[in-house]
């Protein structure tokens, strides 16, 4: 089973529990904080996926971290479940899946925007309005810079790609 599939399953279950308890924002903030802690400490990143370290020692490390961080019980239980199932080192994909699940439930669609240079705030807002009108949903924009497109932009919403890049236009001219 792929990590994306597994991450989606865990994320859906956690979102269900967090929504039921009214703790969505807190749990999301806790998990983001914990993921940042893992990414900032190489020793921690190496401990949890290491099969030579006994599970009880890993539990002790996690318990110590959870005591210091004082997370919601929902978050602590989720992290302990991930550790027990040998998936704590896969927290980042689960966090991404949780954000996607929350967006989907809120009717928000994610769009990846690739431009050759940084867009001004007014351009970003105009683009967000145009994509919201095109999709009929609220849009969350993620920007990436790629100078190889020369100019214009490429917008990817789900599996739909709107390619208005100069590179694409030059390619089409060559083909004609």
N, C-alpha and C. Protein backbone atom coordinates (compact mmCIF):
# COMPACT_ATOMS: atom_id res chain seq x y z
N UNK A 1 0.85 -1.16 0.00
CA UNK A 1 0.00 0.00 0.00
C UNK A 1 0.91 1.24 0.00
N UNK A 2 0.58 2.22 -0.81
CA UNK A 2 1.42 3.42 -0.93
C UNK A 2 1.28 4.30 0.29
N UNK A 3 2.30 5.12 0.53
CA UNK A 3 2.28 6.02 1.67
C UNK A 3 1.14 7.03 1.54
N UNK A 4 0.81 7.43 0.32
CA UNK A 4 -0.29 8.38 0.12
C UNK A 4 -1.61 7.78 0.57
N UNK A 5 -1.84 6.54 0.22
CA UNK A 5 -3.07 5.85 0.62
C UNK A 5 -3.15 5.72 2.13
N UNK A 6 -2.04 5.31 2.73
CA UNK A 6 -1.99 5.16 4.19
C UNK A 6 -2.20 6.52 4.86
N UNK A 7 -1.51 7.54 4.36
CA UNK A 7 -1.62 8.89 4.93
C UNK A 7 -3.05 9.39 4.85
N UNK A 8 -3.71 9.15 3.73
CA UNK A 8 -5.10 9.58 3.56
C UNK A 8 -6.02 8.90 4.57
N UNK A 9 -5.80 7.63 4.83
CA UNK A 9 -6.64 6.90 5.79
C UNK A 9 -6.46 7.44 7.20
N UNK A 10 -5.22 7.61 7.60
CA UNK A 10 -4.97 8.16 8.93
C UNK A 10 -5.53 9.57 9.04
N UNK A 11 -5.34 10.38 8.01
CA UNK A 11 -5.80 11.77 8.03
C UNK A 11 -7.32 11.85 8.15
N UNK A 12 -8.03 11.03 7.38
CA UNK A 12 -9.50 11.04 7.46
C UNK A 12 -9.97 10.67 8.87
N UNK A 13 -9.35 9.65 9.44
CA UNK A 13 -9.75 9.21 10.78
C UNK A 13 -9.45 10.31 11.81
N UNK A 14 -8.29 10.93 11.72
CA UNK A 14 -7.94 11.97 12.68
C UNK A 14 -8.84 13.19 12.52
N UNK A 15 -9.14 13.57 11.29
CA UNK A 15 -10.02 14.72 11.06
C UNK A 15 -11.41 14.42 11.63
N UNK A 16 -11.91 13.21 11.44
CA UNK A 16 -13.21 12.84 12.01
C UNK A 16 -13.22 13.03 13.52
N UNK A 17 -12.20 12.52 14.20
CA UNK A 17 -12.13 12.61 15.66
C UNK A 17 -11.96 14.07 16.09
N UNK A 18 -11.05 14.79 15.44
CA UNK A 18 -10.79 16.18 15.82
C UNK A 18 -12.02 17.06 15.60
N UNK A 19 -12.75 16.81 14.51
CA UNK A 19 -13.96 17.60 14.26
C UNK A 19 -15.03 17.29 15.31
N UNK A 20 -15.17 16.03 15.63
CA UNK A 20 -16.15 15.62 16.63
C UNK A 20 -15.87 16.28 17.98
N UNK A 21 -14.59 16.46 18.30
CA UNK A 21 -14.20 17.05 19.58
C UNK A 21 -13.98 18.56 19.51
N UNK A 22 -14.12 19.13 18.32
CA UNK A 22 -13.93 20.56 18.15
C UNK A 22 -12.48 21.00 18.34
N UNK A 23 -11.55 20.15 17.95
CA UNK A 23 -10.13 20.41 18.18
C UNK A 23 -9.31 20.47 16.90
N UNK A 24 -9.93 20.73 15.77
CA UNK A 24 -9.23 20.64 14.50
C UNK A 24 -8.02 21.57 14.45
N UNK A 25 -8.21 22.83 14.77
CA UNK A 25 -7.10 23.80 14.68
C UNK A 25 -5.99 23.47 15.66
N UNK A 26 -6.36 23.06 16.87
CA UNK A 26 -5.36 22.74 17.89
C UNK A 26 -4.56 21.51 17.50
N UNK A 27 -5.23 20.47 17.02
CA UNK A 27 -4.55 19.25 16.61
C UNK A 27 -3.63 19.53 15.43
N UNK A 28 -4.11 20.31 14.48
CA UNK A 28 -3.29 20.66 13.32
C UNK A 28 -2.05 21.44 13.77
N UNK A 29 -2.23 22.38 14.67
CA UNK A 29 -1.09 23.16 15.18
C UNK A 29 -0.11 22.26 15.94
N UNK A 30 -0.65 21.35 16.76
CA UNK A 30 0.21 20.42 17.51
C UNK A 30 1.04 19.55 16.57
N UNK A 31 0.39 18.98 15.56
CA UNK A 31 1.10 18.11 14.63
C UNK A 31 2.14 18.88 13.82
N UNK A 32 1.80 20.10 13.45
CA UNK A 32 2.76 20.94 12.72
C UNK A 32 3.98 21.22 13.59
N UNK A 33 3.74 21.50 14.85
CA UNK A 33 4.83 21.75 15.80
C UNK A 33 5.70 20.51 15.96
N UNK A 34 5.06 19.35 16.08
CA UNK A 34 5.81 18.11 16.26
C UNK A 34 6.61 17.77 15.00
N UNK A 35 6.02 17.97 13.83
CA UNK A 35 6.73 17.72 12.58
C UNK A 35 7.94 18.65 12.46
N UNK A 36 7.77 19.89 12.88
CA UNK A 36 8.90 20.83 12.88
C UNK A 36 10.00 20.39 13.83
N UNK A 37 9.60 19.86 14.98
CA UNK A 37 10.56 19.35 15.95
C UNK A 37 11.35 18.19 15.34
N UNK A 38 10.66 17.28 14.68
CA UNK A 38 11.34 16.16 14.05
C UNK A 38 12.30 16.61 12.96
N UNK A 39 11.84 17.54 12.13
CA UNK A 39 12.70 17.97 11.03
C UNK A 39 13.90 18.77 11.52
N UNK A 40 13.80 19.36 12.71
CA UNK A 40 14.90 20.15 13.24
C UNK A 40 15.92 19.36 14.05
N UNK A 41 15.62 18.09 14.35
CA UNK A 41 16.53 17.27 15.16
C UNK A 41 16.79 15.94 14.45
N UNK A 42 17.97 15.84 13.92
CA UNK A 42 18.32 14.63 13.16
C UNK A 42 18.24 13.37 14.02
N UNK A 43 18.62 13.47 15.28
CA UNK A 43 18.59 12.30 16.16
C UNK A 43 17.17 11.73 16.27
N UNK A 44 16.20 12.63 16.42
CA UNK A 44 14.81 12.19 16.52
C UNK A 44 14.34 11.54 15.21
N UNK A 45 14.74 12.14 14.09
CA UNK A 45 14.35 11.57 12.80
C UNK A 45 14.92 10.17 12.63
N UNK A 46 16.06 9.91 13.24
CA UNK A 46 16.71 8.60 13.09
C UNK A 46 16.20 7.57 14.10
N UNK A 47 15.72 8.03 15.25
CA UNK A 47 15.29 7.10 16.30
C UNK A 47 14.01 6.36 15.91
N UNK A 48 12.99 7.09 15.50
CA UNK A 48 11.67 6.47 15.34
C UNK A 48 11.58 5.42 14.23
N UNK A 49 12.22 5.58 13.08
CA UNK A 49 12.11 4.51 12.07
C UNK A 49 13.12 3.38 12.27
N UNK A 50 14.04 3.51 13.22
CA UNK A 50 15.11 2.54 13.41
C UNK A 50 14.58 1.24 14.02
N UNK A 51 14.66 0.13 13.28
CA UNK A 51 14.12 -1.13 13.80
C UNK A 51 14.98 -1.75 14.90
N UNK A 52 16.22 -1.29 15.08
CA UNK A 52 17.08 -1.88 16.11
C UNK A 52 16.81 -1.28 17.49
N UNK A 53 16.09 -0.18 17.54
CA UNK A 53 15.74 0.43 18.83
C UNK A 53 14.41 -0.16 19.28
N UNK A 54 14.37 -0.72 20.48
CA UNK A 54 13.13 -1.34 20.96
C UNK A 54 11.98 -0.32 21.04
N UNK A 55 10.78 -0.82 20.80
CA UNK A 55 9.59 0.02 20.82
C UNK A 55 9.42 0.72 22.16
N UNK A 56 9.73 0.05 23.25
CA UNK A 56 9.58 0.66 24.57
C UNK A 56 10.48 1.87 24.74
N UNK A 57 11.67 1.83 24.18
CA UNK A 57 12.58 2.99 24.28
C UNK A 57 12.04 4.14 23.43
N UNK A 58 11.48 3.80 22.27
CA UNK A 58 10.88 4.83 21.42
C UNK A 58 9.68 5.46 22.13
N UNK A 59 8.89 4.62 22.80
CA UNK A 59 7.74 5.13 23.56
C UNK A 59 8.19 6.09 24.66
N UNK A 60 9.28 5.74 25.32
CA UNK A 60 9.80 6.60 26.39
C UNK A 60 10.24 7.96 25.82
N UNK A 61 10.88 7.95 24.67
CA UNK A 61 11.30 9.20 24.03
C UNK A 61 10.08 10.03 23.66
N UNK A 62 9.09 9.38 23.03
CA UNK A 62 7.88 10.10 22.64
C UNK A 62 7.14 10.63 23.87
N UNK A 63 7.03 9.81 24.90
CA UNK A 63 6.35 10.23 26.12
C UNK A 63 7.02 11.47 26.72
N UNK A 64 8.34 11.46 26.75
CA UNK A 64 9.09 12.60 27.28
C UNK A 64 8.82 13.86 26.45
N UNK A 65 8.79 13.71 25.14
CA UNK A 65 8.50 14.85 24.27
C UNK A 65 7.08 15.36 24.49
N UNK A 66 6.14 14.45 24.58
CA UNK A 66 4.74 14.85 24.76
C UNK A 66 4.51 15.55 26.09
N UNK A 67 5.22 15.13 27.14
CA UNK A 67 5.10 15.81 28.43
C UNK A 67 5.56 17.25 28.34
N UNK A 68 6.65 17.47 27.62
CA UNK A 68 7.21 18.82 27.49
C UNK A 68 6.36 19.72 26.60
N UNK A 69 5.73 19.13 25.59
CA UNK A 69 4.99 19.92 24.61
C UNK A 69 3.55 20.18 25.03
N UNK A 70 3.04 19.41 25.97
CA UNK A 70 1.67 19.52 26.47
C UNK A 70 0.63 19.66 25.35
N UNK A 71 0.59 18.64 24.49
CA UNK A 71 -0.38 18.59 23.39
C UNK A 71 -1.75 18.15 23.90
N UNK A 72 -2.75 18.37 23.05
CA UNK A 72 -4.09 17.86 23.30
C UNK A 72 -4.01 16.33 23.40
N UNK A 73 -4.85 15.70 24.22
CA UNK A 73 -4.86 14.23 24.28
C UNK A 73 -5.09 13.58 22.91
N UNK A 74 -5.90 14.22 22.08
CA UNK A 74 -6.16 13.68 20.74
C UNK A 74 -4.86 13.60 19.95
N UNK A 75 -4.07 14.65 20.01
CA UNK A 75 -2.80 14.67 19.28
C UNK A 75 -1.85 13.63 19.86
N UNK A 76 -1.74 13.60 21.18
CA UNK A 76 -0.83 12.65 21.84
C UNK A 76 -1.21 11.21 21.50
N UNK A 77 -2.49 10.91 21.53
CA UNK A 77 -2.96 9.55 21.20
C UNK A 77 -2.64 9.21 19.75
N UNK A 78 -2.81 10.19 18.85
CA UNK A 78 -2.53 9.95 17.44
C UNK A 78 -1.04 9.65 17.24
N UNK A 79 -0.18 10.44 17.86
CA UNK A 79 1.26 10.22 17.73
C UNK A 79 1.68 8.88 18.31
N UNK A 80 1.06 8.49 19.44
CA UNK A 80 1.36 7.18 20.04
C UNK A 80 0.88 6.05 19.13
N UNK A 81 -0.26 6.24 18.48
CA UNK A 81 -0.76 5.24 17.53
C UNK A 81 0.20 5.09 16.35
N UNK A 82 0.68 6.22 15.83
CA UNK A 82 1.64 6.17 14.73
C UNK A 82 2.91 5.43 15.15
N UNK A 83 3.38 5.69 16.36
CA UNK A 83 4.58 5.01 16.85
C UNK A 83 4.33 3.51 16.96
N UNK A 84 3.22 3.12 17.55
CA UNK A 84 2.89 1.71 17.71
C UNK A 84 2.81 1.00 16.36
N UNK A 85 2.26 1.69 15.36
CA UNK A 85 2.10 1.10 14.03
C UNK A 85 3.33 1.29 13.15
N UNK A 86 4.39 1.86 13.71
CA UNK A 86 5.63 2.03 12.95
C UNK A 86 5.53 3.06 11.85
N UNK A 87 4.73 4.10 12.06
CA UNK A 87 4.51 5.10 11.03
C UNK A 87 4.80 6.54 11.49
N UNK A 88 5.40 6.69 12.63
CA UNK A 88 5.65 8.04 13.14
C UNK A 88 6.60 8.81 12.22
N UNK A 89 7.52 8.10 11.59
CA UNK A 89 8.45 8.76 10.67
C UNK A 89 7.76 9.22 9.38
N UNK A 90 6.50 8.85 9.19
CA UNK A 90 5.73 9.26 8.01
C UNK A 90 4.73 10.36 8.36
N UNK A 91 5.01 11.13 9.38
CA UNK A 91 4.10 12.17 9.84
C UNK A 91 3.89 13.25 8.80
N UNK A 92 4.93 13.66 8.09
CA UNK A 92 4.77 14.74 7.10
C UNK A 92 3.71 14.43 6.04
N UNK A 93 3.74 13.26 5.40
CA UNK A 93 2.68 12.97 4.43
C UNK A 93 1.29 12.92 5.06
N UNK A 94 1.20 12.51 6.31
CA UNK A 94 -0.09 12.47 7.00
C UNK A 94 -0.58 13.88 7.31
N UNK A 95 0.33 14.75 7.65
CA UNK A 95 -0.02 16.15 7.90
C UNK A 95 -0.51 16.81 6.61
N UNK A 96 0.16 16.53 5.51
CA UNK A 96 -0.29 17.06 4.22
C UNK A 96 -1.66 16.50 3.85
N UNK A 97 -1.87 15.21 4.09
CA UNK A 97 -3.16 14.59 3.79
C UNK A 97 -4.25 15.18 4.68
N UNK A 98 -3.92 15.49 5.93
CA UNK A 98 -4.89 16.09 6.84
C UNK A 98 -5.31 17.46 6.32
N UNK A 99 -4.34 18.25 5.85
CA UNK A 99 -4.67 19.57 5.31
C UNK A 99 -5.55 19.44 4.07
N UNK A 100 -5.23 18.47 3.21
CA UNK A 100 -6.06 18.25 2.01
C UNK A 100 -7.47 17.83 2.39
N UNK A 101 -7.59 16.97 3.39
CA UNK A 101 -8.90 16.50 3.84
C UNK A 101 -9.72 17.65 4.42
N UNK A 102 -9.09 18.49 5.22
CA UNK A 102 -9.78 19.65 5.79
C UNK A 102 -10.22 20.61 4.69
N UNK A 103 -9.35 20.83 3.71
CA UNK A 103 -9.72 21.69 2.57
C UNK A 103 -10.90 21.10 1.81
N UNK A 104 -10.86 19.80 1.56
CA UNK A 104 -11.94 19.16 0.81
C UNK A 104 -13.27 19.28 1.55
N UNK A 105 -13.24 19.10 2.85
CA UNK A 105 -14.47 19.20 3.64
C UNK A 105 -14.98 20.64 3.71
N UNK A 106 -14.07 21.60 3.58
CA UNK A 106 -14.46 23.01 3.62
C UNK A 106 -14.78 23.55 2.23
N UNK A 107 -14.68 22.70 1.20
CA UNK A 107 -14.97 23.14 -0.16
C UNK A 107 -13.87 23.98 -0.76
N UNK A 108 -12.66 23.81 -0.27
CA UNK A 108 -11.52 24.58 -0.78
C UNK A 108 -10.71 23.67 -1.71
N UNK A 109 -10.34 24.21 -2.85
CA UNK A 109 -9.52 23.47 -3.79
C UNK A 109 -8.13 24.09 -3.81
N UNK A 110 -7.11 23.24 -3.87
CA UNK A 110 -5.73 23.72 -3.90
C UNK A 110 -5.29 23.89 -5.34
N UNK A 111 -4.57 24.97 -5.58
CA UNK A 111 -4.02 25.24 -6.91
C UNK A 111 -2.54 25.52 -6.79
N UNK A 112 -1.75 24.84 -7.60
CA UNK A 112 -0.33 25.12 -7.65
C UNK A 112 -0.08 26.07 -8.82
N UNK A 113 0.54 27.18 -8.53
CA UNK A 113 0.81 28.20 -9.54
C UNK A 113 2.32 28.28 -9.74
N UNK A 114 2.75 28.11 -10.98
CA UNK A 114 4.17 28.19 -11.32
C UNK A 114 4.36 29.43 -12.18
N UNK A 115 5.25 30.31 -11.75
CA UNK A 115 5.55 31.53 -12.48
C UNK A 115 7.06 31.65 -12.65
N UNK A 116 7.46 32.52 -13.58
CA UNK A 116 8.88 32.74 -13.81
C UNK A 116 9.47 33.68 -12.77
N UNK A 117 8.64 34.49 -12.17
CA UNK A 117 9.09 35.43 -11.14
C UNK A 117 8.00 35.59 -10.10
N UNK A 118 8.32 36.24 -9.01
CA UNK A 118 7.37 36.45 -7.92
C UNK A 118 6.29 37.43 -8.38
N UNK A 119 5.03 37.09 -8.11
CA UNK A 119 3.91 37.95 -8.47
C UNK A 119 3.65 38.97 -7.36
N UNK A 120 3.18 40.14 -7.77
CA UNK A 120 2.79 41.17 -6.82
C UNK A 120 1.51 40.73 -6.11
N UNK A 121 1.25 41.31 -4.96
CA UNK A 121 0.07 40.95 -4.16
C UNK A 121 -1.21 41.15 -4.94
N UNK A 122 -1.31 42.22 -5.71
CA UNK A 122 -2.53 42.47 -6.51
C UNK A 122 -2.72 41.39 -7.56
N UNK A 123 -1.61 40.94 -8.17
CA UNK A 123 -1.70 39.89 -9.18
C UNK A 123 -2.13 38.57 -8.55
N UNK A 124 -1.63 38.28 -7.37
CA UNK A 124 -2.01 37.05 -6.67
C UNK A 124 -3.51 37.07 -6.34
N UNK A 125 -3.99 38.21 -5.86
CA UNK A 125 -5.41 38.33 -5.51
C UNK A 125 -6.29 38.20 -6.74
N UNK A 126 -5.89 38.83 -7.84
CA UNK A 126 -6.66 38.74 -9.08
C UNK A 126 -6.69 37.30 -9.58
N UNK A 127 -5.56 36.63 -9.52
CA UNK A 127 -5.48 35.24 -9.95
C UNK A 127 -6.37 34.36 -9.08
N UNK A 128 -6.36 34.60 -7.79
CA UNK A 128 -7.22 33.83 -6.88
C UNK A 128 -8.69 34.03 -7.22
N UNK A 129 -9.09 35.26 -7.50
CA UNK A 129 -10.49 35.54 -7.87
C UNK A 129 -10.86 34.84 -9.18
N UNK A 130 -9.97 34.89 -10.17
CA UNK A 130 -10.26 34.26 -11.46
C UNK A 130 -10.38 32.75 -11.34
N UNK A 131 -9.48 32.13 -10.57
CA UNK A 131 -9.55 30.68 -10.40
C UNK A 131 -10.77 30.28 -9.57
N UNK A 132 -11.15 31.09 -8.61
CA UNK A 132 -12.36 30.80 -7.82
C UNK A 132 -13.59 30.87 -8.72
N UNK A 133 -13.62 31.84 -9.64
CA UNK A 133 -14.74 31.96 -10.58
C UNK A 133 -14.76 30.78 -11.54
N UNK A 134 -13.58 30.34 -11.97
CA UNK A 134 -13.49 29.23 -12.92
C UNK A 134 -13.90 27.90 -12.28
N UNK A 135 -13.56 27.71 -11.00
CA UNK A 135 -13.85 26.44 -10.34
C UNK A 135 -15.16 26.45 -9.57
N UNK A 136 -15.64 27.64 -9.23
CA UNK A 136 -16.85 27.75 -8.42
C UNK A 136 -16.61 27.39 -6.97
N UNK A 137 -15.35 27.37 -6.55
CA UNK A 137 -14.99 27.02 -5.17
C UNK A 137 -13.92 27.99 -4.67
N UNK A 138 -13.77 28.04 -3.38
CA UNK A 138 -12.68 28.83 -2.81
C UNK A 138 -11.36 28.15 -3.19
N UNK A 139 -10.32 28.94 -3.48
CA UNK A 139 -9.05 28.40 -3.95
C UNK A 139 -7.94 28.77 -2.98
N UNK A 140 -7.11 27.77 -2.66
CA UNK A 140 -5.90 28.02 -1.86
C UNK A 140 -4.72 27.90 -2.81
N UNK A 141 -3.99 29.00 -2.98
CA UNK A 141 -2.90 29.05 -3.93
C UNK A 141 -1.56 28.70 -3.28
N UNK A 142 -0.78 27.89 -3.99
CA UNK A 142 0.59 27.55 -3.60
C UNK A 142 1.47 27.98 -4.76
N UNK A 143 2.38 28.89 -4.51
CA UNK A 143 3.21 29.44 -5.57
C UNK A 143 4.58 28.79 -5.60
N UNK A 144 5.10 28.62 -6.83
CA UNK A 144 6.44 28.09 -7.04
C UNK A 144 7.06 28.88 -8.19
N UNK A 145 8.33 29.16 -8.08
CA UNK A 145 9.04 29.91 -9.11
C UNK A 145 9.83 28.92 -9.98
N UNK A 146 9.68 29.07 -11.31
CA UNK A 146 10.44 28.26 -12.27
C UNK A 146 10.81 29.16 -13.44
N UNK A 147 12.03 29.70 -13.46
CA UNK A 147 12.44 30.62 -14.52
C UNK A 147 12.40 30.00 -15.93
N UNK A 148 12.37 28.67 -16.02
CA UNK A 148 12.39 28.03 -17.34
C UNK A 148 11.10 28.22 -18.12
N UNK A 149 10.01 28.67 -17.47
CA UNK A 149 8.77 28.89 -18.22
C UNK A 149 8.79 30.25 -18.93
N UNK A 150 9.85 31.03 -18.67
CA UNK A 150 10.13 32.31 -19.32
C UNK A 150 9.19 33.45 -18.92
N UNK A 151 7.92 33.20 -18.82
CA UNK A 151 6.94 34.22 -18.46
C UNK A 151 5.57 33.57 -18.42
N UNK A 152 4.55 34.35 -18.06
CA UNK A 152 3.21 33.79 -17.93
C UNK A 152 3.13 32.93 -16.70
N UNK A 153 2.21 31.96 -16.71
CA UNK A 153 2.09 31.06 -15.56
C UNK A 153 1.47 29.75 -15.97
N UNK A 154 1.65 28.77 -15.10
CA UNK A 154 1.03 27.46 -15.24
C UNK A 154 0.25 27.23 -13.95
N UNK A 155 -1.04 26.95 -14.08
CA UNK A 155 -1.90 26.69 -12.92
C UNK A 155 -2.35 25.23 -12.97
N UNK A 156 -2.17 24.53 -11.85
CA UNK A 156 -2.58 23.12 -11.77
C UNK A 156 -3.58 23.00 -10.63
N UNK A 157 -4.81 22.61 -10.99
CA UNK A 157 -5.87 22.38 -10.00
C UNK A 157 -6.31 20.94 -10.18
N UNK A 158 -5.96 20.13 -9.21
CA UNK A 158 -6.24 18.70 -9.35
C UNK A 158 -5.48 18.15 -10.54
N UNK A 159 -6.19 17.53 -11.47
CA UNK A 159 -5.54 16.99 -12.66
C UNK A 159 -5.65 17.93 -13.85
N UNK A 160 -6.25 19.10 -13.66
CA UNK A 160 -6.40 20.07 -14.75
C UNK A 160 -5.25 21.06 -14.72
N UNK A 161 -4.63 21.26 -15.89
CA UNK A 161 -3.51 22.18 -16.01
C UNK A 161 -3.88 23.27 -17.00
N UNK A 162 -3.72 24.50 -16.55
CA UNK A 162 -3.90 25.67 -17.41
C UNK A 162 -2.50 26.22 -17.68
N UNK A 163 -2.01 26.04 -18.90
CA UNK A 163 -0.64 26.43 -19.22
C UNK A 163 -0.63 27.67 -20.09
N UNK A 164 -0.39 28.81 -19.46
CA UNK A 164 -0.29 30.07 -20.18
C UNK A 164 1.13 30.59 -20.18
N UNK A 165 2.09 29.66 -20.15
CA UNK A 165 3.49 30.06 -20.11
C UNK A 165 4.00 30.41 -21.50
N UNK A 166 4.97 31.26 -21.54
CA UNK A 166 5.60 31.63 -22.82
C UNK A 166 6.29 30.41 -23.41
N UNK A 167 6.88 29.57 -22.57
CA UNK A 167 7.53 28.35 -23.06
C UNK A 167 6.52 27.49 -23.82
N UNK A 168 5.32 27.34 -23.28
CA UNK A 168 4.29 26.54 -23.94
C UNK A 168 3.85 27.20 -25.25
N UNK A 169 3.69 28.50 -25.23
CA UNK A 169 3.29 29.22 -26.46
C UNK A 169 4.35 29.08 -27.54
N UNK A 170 5.63 29.13 -27.18
CA UNK A 170 6.70 28.94 -28.16
C UNK A 170 6.70 27.51 -28.71
N UNK A 171 6.43 26.56 -27.85
CA UNK A 171 6.34 25.17 -28.29
C UNK A 171 5.21 24.98 -29.29
N UNK A 172 4.06 25.59 -29.00
CA UNK A 172 2.92 25.50 -29.92
C UNK A 172 3.23 26.18 -31.25
N UNK A 173 3.91 27.29 -31.23
CA UNK A 173 4.31 27.96 -32.47
C UNK A 173 5.24 27.08 -33.30
N UNK A 174 6.20 26.43 -32.64
CA UNK A 174 7.11 25.52 -33.34
C UNK A 174 6.35 24.39 -34.00
N UNK A 175 5.36 23.84 -33.30
CA UNK A 175 4.58 22.72 -33.84
C UNK A 175 3.74 23.14 -35.03
N UNK A 176 3.24 24.38 -35.02
CA UNK A 176 2.42 24.86 -36.13
C UNK A 176 3.31 25.12 -37.34
